[in-house]
Every structure is written in C-alpha cells, then in structure tokens.
Amino acid sequence: MNRKDKRRHYRLTLEYDGTNFSGWQKQVDARTVQGDVLKGAVRVFGESLLWQ
C-alpha cells in the first residue's frame, strides 16, 4: 500500500471569535485560527496535515 492510499479527507466547519487572533491564515510570528486548528489536529491525529 503506498502513501496515497492511506490519505483521508476531512471537512471541518467552525465558528470562532477572532478577538485573540491575528487573522485566519497561519503566520510565523502570530497566533492565528489556522495555526491553532493545525496544532489541534496534530494532537488528535499524531501527525501534521496537508491543509487545502
């Protein structure tokens, strides 16, 4: 089985209060919604995800 066969697709719909964030898109030096979602996904799935 190759890596492509192991891929899974997930859809996430969320709502958030952006007060404590510096926007949606991941940034190196700021807390963002995308950054926090990706960090949470690593905790749940045990590996980083390809975000599209």
PDB file of N, CA and C in Angstrom:
ATOM      1  N   MET A   1       0.850  -1.186   0.000  1.00  0.00           N
ATOM      2  CA  MET A   1       0.000   0.000   0.000  1.00  0.00           C
ATOM      3  C   MET A   1       0.891   1.244   0.000  1.00  0.00           C
ATOM      4  N   ASN A   2       0.693   2.146  -0.932  1.00  0.00           N
ATOM      5  CA  ASN A   2       1.513   3.357  -0.959  1.00  0.00           C
ATOM      6  C   ASN A   2       0.871   4.477  -0.144  1.00  0.00           C
ATOM      7  N   ARG A   3       1.614   5.547   0.041  1.00  0.00           N
ATOM      8  CA  ARG A   3       1.148   6.659   0.890  1.00  0.00           C
ATOM      9  C   ARG A   3      -0.169   7.249   0.395  1.00  0.00           C
ATOM     10  N   LYS A   4      -0.338   7.344  -0.902  1.00  0.00           N
ATOM     11  CA  LYS A   4      -1.562   7.931  -1.451  1.00  0.00           C
ATOM     12  C   LYS A   4      -2.795   7.141  -0.996  1.00  0.00           C
ATOM     13  N   ASP A   5      -2.675   5.837  -0.908  1.00  0.00           N
ATOM     14  CA  ASP A   5      -3.801   5.004  -0.494  1.00  0.00           C
ATOM     15  C   ASP A   5      -4.186   5.219   0.968  1.00  0.00           C
ATOM     16  N   LYS A   6      -3.286   5.770   1.761  1.00  0.00           N
ATOM     17  CA  LYS A   6      -3.549   5.989   3.181  1.00  0.00           C
ATOM     18  C   LYS A   6      -4.169   7.349   3.471  1.00  0.00           C
ATOM     19  N   ARG A   7      -4.306   8.183   2.472  1.00  0.00           N
ATOM     20  CA  ARG A   7      -4.857   9.523   2.695  1.00  0.00           C
ATOM     21  C   ARG A   7      -6.323   9.466   3.084  1.00  0.00           C
ATOM     22  N   ARG A   8      -6.685  10.385   3.947  1.00  0.00           N
ATOM     23  CA  ARG A   8      -8.082  10.544   4.340  1.00  0.00           C
ATOM     24  C   ARG A   8      -8.446  12.002   4.177  1.00  0.00           C
ATOM     25  N   HIS A   9      -9.668  12.242   3.863  1.00  0.00           N
ATOM     26  CA  HIS A   9     -10.140  13.609   3.689  1.00  0.00           C
ATOM     27  C   HIS A   9     -11.141  13.923   4.795  1.00  0.00           C
ATOM     28  N   TYR A  10     -10.975  15.079   5.398  1.00  0.00           N
ATOM     29  CA  TYR A  10     -11.861  15.524   6.456  1.00  0.00           C
ATOM     30  C   TYR A  10     -12.384  16.902   6.097  1.00  0.00           C
ATOM     31  N   ARG A  11     -13.577  17.176   6.512  1.00  0.00           N
ATOM     32  CA  ARG A  11     -14.158  18.504   6.323  1.00  0.00           C
ATOM     33  C   ARG A  11     -14.469  19.041   7.709  1.00  0.00           C
ATOM     34  N   LEU A  12     -14.069  20.271   7.937  1.00  0.00           N
ATOM     35  CA  LEU A  12     -14.266  20.899   9.232  1.00  0.00           C
ATOM     36  C   LEU A  12     -14.991  22.221   9.017  1.00  0.00           C
ATOM     37  N   THR A  13     -16.088  22.381   9.705  1.00  0.00           N
ATOM     38  CA  THR A  13     -16.809  23.647   9.692  1.00  0.00           C
ATOM     39  C   THR A  13     -16.723  24.203  11.105  1.00  0.00           C
ATOM     40  N   LEU A  14     -16.269  25.430  11.237  1.00  0.00           N
ATOM     41  CA  LEU A  14     -16.146  26.006  12.565  1.00  0.00           C
ATOM     42  C   LEU A  14     -16.551  27.463  12.581  1.00  0.00           C
ATOM     43  N   GLU A  15     -16.791  27.919  13.768  1.00  0.00           N
ATOM     44  CA  GLU A  15     -17.150  29.298  14.032  1.00  0.00           C
ATOM     45  C   GLU A  15     -16.219  29.770  15.142  1.00  0.00           C
ATOM     46  N   TYR A  16     -15.810  31.018  15.114  1.00  0.00           N
ATOM     47  CA  TYR A  16     -14.884  31.479  16.142  1.00  0.00           C
ATOM     48  C   TYR A  16     -15.023  32.973  16.379  1.00  0.00           C
ATOM     49  N   ASP A  17     -14.604  33.385  17.553  1.00  0.00           N
ATOM     50  CA  ASP A  17     -14.487  34.800  17.894  1.00  0.00           C
ATOM     51  C   ASP A  17     -13.025  35.145  17.670  1.00  0.00           C
ATOM     52  N   GLY A  18     -12.729  35.948  16.693  1.00  0.00           N
ATOM     53  CA  GLY A  18     -11.358  36.244  16.317  1.00  0.00           C
ATOM     54  C   GLY A  18     -10.643  37.289  17.154  1.00  0.00           C
ATOM     55  N   THR A  19     -11.228  37.673  18.268  1.00  0.00           N
ATOM     56  CA  THR A  19     -10.653  38.736  19.099  1.00  0.00           C
ATOM     57  C   THR A  19      -9.194  38.487  19.464  1.00  0.00           C
ATOM     58  N   ASN A  20      -8.852  37.273  19.842  1.00  0.00           N
ATOM     59  CA  ASN A  20      -7.492  36.975  20.308  1.00  0.00           C
ATOM     60  C   ASN A  20      -6.582  36.421  19.221  1.00  0.00           C
ATOM     61  N   PHE A  21      -6.976  36.559  17.971  1.00  0.00           N
ATOM     62  CA  PHE A  21      -6.196  36.021  16.860  1.00  0.00           C
ATOM     63  C   PHE A  21      -5.742  37.144  15.927  1.00  0.00           C
ATOM     64  N   SER A  22      -4.704  36.852  15.168  1.00  0.00           N
ATOM     65  CA  SER A  22      -4.193  37.805  14.168  1.00  0.00           C
ATOM     66  C   SER A  22      -4.616  37.355  12.774  1.00  0.00           C
ATOM     67  N   GLY A  23      -5.900  37.087  12.623  1.00  0.00           N
ATOM     68  CA  GLY A  23      -6.427  36.673  11.332  1.00  0.00           C
ATOM     69  C   GLY A  23      -6.575  35.170  11.233  1.00  0.00           C
ATOM     70  N   TRP A  24      -6.920  34.729  10.036  1.00  0.00           N
ATOM     71  CA  TRP A  24      -7.158  33.311   9.776  1.00  0.00           C
ATOM     72  C   TRP A  24      -5.883  32.576   9.385  1.00  0.00           C
ATOM     73  N   GLN A  25      -5.174  33.074   8.370  1.00  0.00           N
ATOM     74  CA  GLN A  25      -4.061  32.345   7.771  1.00  0.00           C
ATOM     75  C   GLN A  25      -2.861  32.229   8.700  1.00  0.00           C
ATOM     76  N   LYS A  26      -2.264  31.046   8.717  1.00  0.00           N
ATOM     77  CA  LYS A  26      -1.103  30.765   9.563  1.00  0.00           C
ATOM     78  C   LYS A  26       0.017  31.761   9.283  1.00  0.00           C
ATOM     79  N   GLN A  27       0.609  32.290  10.362  1.00  0.00           N
ATOM     80  CA  GLN A  27       1.733  33.220  10.274  1.00  0.00           C
ATOM     81  C   GLN A  27       2.821  32.735  11.227  1.00  0.00           C
ATOM     82  N   VAL A  28       4.049  33.017  10.892  1.00  0.00           N
ATOM     83  CA  VAL A  28       5.177  32.549  11.699  1.00  0.00           C
ATOM     84  C   VAL A  28       5.185  33.186  13.086  1.00  0.00           C
ATOM     85  N   ASP A  29       4.900  34.469  13.169  1.00  0.00           N
ATOM     86  CA  ASP A  29       5.096  35.196  14.426  1.00  0.00           C
ATOM     87  C   ASP A  29       3.809  35.668  15.096  1.00  0.00           C
ATOM     88  N   ALA A  30       2.676  35.038  14.785  1.00  0.00           N
ATOM     89  CA  ALA A  30       1.417  35.466  15.390  1.00  0.00           C
ATOM     90  C   ALA A  30       0.475  34.284  15.575  1.00  0.00           C
ATOM     91  N   ARG A  31      -0.394  34.391  16.562  1.00  0.00           N
ATOM     92  CA  ARG A  31      -1.408  33.361  16.793  1.00  0.00           C
ATOM     93  C   ARG A  31      -2.544  33.559  15.785  1.00  0.00           C
ATOM     94  N   THR A  32      -2.865  32.509  15.048  1.00  0.00           N
ATOM     95  CA  THR A  32      -3.933  32.577  14.049  1.00  0.00           C
ATOM     96  C   THR A  32      -4.876  31.390  14.211  1.00  0.00           C
ATOM     97  N   VAL A  33      -6.048  31.514  13.628  1.00  0.00           N
ATOM     98  CA  VAL A  33      -7.028  30.431  13.695  1.00  0.00           C
ATOM     99  C   VAL A  33      -6.482  29.183  13.009  1.00  0.00           C
ATOM    100  N   GLN A  34      -5.959  29.324  11.803  1.00  0.00           N
ATOM    101  CA  GLN A  34      -5.427  28.169  11.075  1.00  0.00           C
ATOM    102  C   GLN A  34      -4.297  27.506  11.867  1.00  0.00           C
ATOM    103  N   GLY A  35      -3.425  28.297  12.449  1.00  0.00           N
ATOM    104  CA  GLY A  35      -2.326  27.753  13.243  1.00  0.00           C
ATOM    105  C   GLY A  35      -2.820  26.923  14.415  1.00  0.00           C
ATOM    106  N   ASP A  36      -3.833  27.420  15.123  1.00  0.00           N
ATOM    107  CA  ASP A  36      -4.376  26.685  16.264  1.00  0.00           C
ATOM    108  C   ASP A  36      -5.114  25.419  15.816  1.00  0.00           C
ATOM    109  N   VAL A  37      -5.831  25.493  14.708  1.00  0.00           N
ATOM    110  CA  VAL A  37      -6.522  24.306  14.195  1.00  0.00           C
ATOM    111  C   VAL A  37      -5.502  23.230  13.822  1.00  0.00           C
ATOM    112  N   LEU A  38      -4.424  23.630  13.169  1.00  0.00           N
ATOM    113  CA  LEU A  38      -3.394  22.665  12.781  1.00  0.00           C
ATOM    114  C   LEU A  38      -2.705  22.053  14.000  1.00  0.00           C
ATOM    115  N   LYS A  39      -2.439  22.853  15.018  1.00  0.00           N
ATOM    116  CA  LYS A  39      -1.837  22.325  16.246  1.00  0.00           C
ATOM    117  C   LYS A  39      -2.764  21.308  16.903  1.00  0.00           C
ATOM    118  N   GLY A  40      -4.058  21.609  16.922  1.00  0.00           N
ATOM    119  CA  GLY A  40      -5.028  20.673  17.486  1.00  0.00           C
ATOM    120  C   GLY A  40      -5.096  19.382  16.689  1.00  0.00           C
ATOM    121  N   ALA A  41      -5.007  19.494  15.371  1.00  0.00           N
ATOM    122  CA  ALA A  41      -5.049  18.314  14.506  1.00  0.00           C
ATOM    123  C   ALA A  41      -3.849  17.406  14.760  1.00  0.00           C
ATOM    124  N   VAL A  42      -2.695  17.992  15.020  1.00  0.00           N
ATOM    125  CA  VAL A  42      -1.506  17.187  15.330  1.00  0.00           C
ATOM    126  C   VAL A  42      -1.747  16.394  16.614  1.00  0.00           C
ATOM    127  N   ARG A  43      -2.374  17.021  17.600  1.00  0.00           N
ATOM    128  CA  ARG A  43      -2.665  16.316  18.845  1.00  0.00           C
ATOM    129  C   ARG A  43      -3.664  15.172  18.628  1.00  0.00           C
ATOM    130  N   VAL A  44      -4.651  15.393  17.775  1.00  0.00           N
ATOM    131  CA  VAL A  44      -5.674  14.372  17.536  1.00  0.00           C
ATOM    132  C   VAL A  44      -5.150  13.237  16.660  1.00  0.00           C
ATOM    133  N   PHE A  45      -4.482  13.583  15.558  1.00  0.00           N
ATOM    134  CA  PHE A  45      -4.069  12.582  14.571  1.00  0.00           C
ATOM    135  C   PHE A  45      -2.623  12.103  14.747  1.00  0.00           C
ATOM    136  N   GLY A  46      -1.835  12.820  15.528  1.00  0.00           N
ATOM    137  CA  GLY A  46      -0.459  12.406  15.771  1.00  0.00           C
ATOM    138  C   GLY A  46       0.501  12.730  14.648  1.00  0.00           C
ATOM    139  N   GLU A  47       0.074  13.516  13.689  1.00  0.00           N
ATOM    140  CA  GLU A  47       0.948  13.919  12.580  1.00  0.00           C
ATOM    141  C   GLU A  47       0.421  15.212  11.975  1.00  0.00           C
ATOM    142  N   SER A  48       1.298  15.931  11.284  1.00  0.00           N
ATOM    143  CA  SER A  48       0.870  17.174  10.658  1.00  0.00           C
ATOM    144  C   SER A  48      -0.001  16.864   9.444  1.00  0.00           C
ATOM    145  N   LEU A  49      -0.833  17.813   9.082  1.00  0.00           N
ATOM    146  CA  LEU A  49      -1.773  17.631   7.986  1.00  0.00           C
ATOM    147  C   LEU A  49      -1.454  18.540   6.830  1.00  0.00           C
ATOM    148  N   LEU A  50      -1.840  18.126   5.657  1.00  0.00           N
ATOM    149  CA  LEU A  50      -1.760  18.969   4.470  1.00  0.00           C
ATOM    150  C   LEU A  50      -3.054  19.768   4.427  1.00  0.00           C
ATOM    151  N   TRP A  51      -2.944  21.074   4.497  1.00  0.00           N
ATOM    152  CA  TRP A  51      -4.105  21.951   4.559  1.00  0.00           C
ATOM    153  C   TRP A  51      -4.403  22.475   3.170  1.00  0.00           C
ATOM    154  N   GLN A  52      -5.613  22.243   2.692  1.00  0.00           N
ATOM    155  CA  GLN A  52      -6.003  22.741   1.370  1.00  0.00           C
ATOM    156  C   GLN A  52      -7.320  23.440   1.443  1.00  0.00           C
TER     157      GLN A  52
END
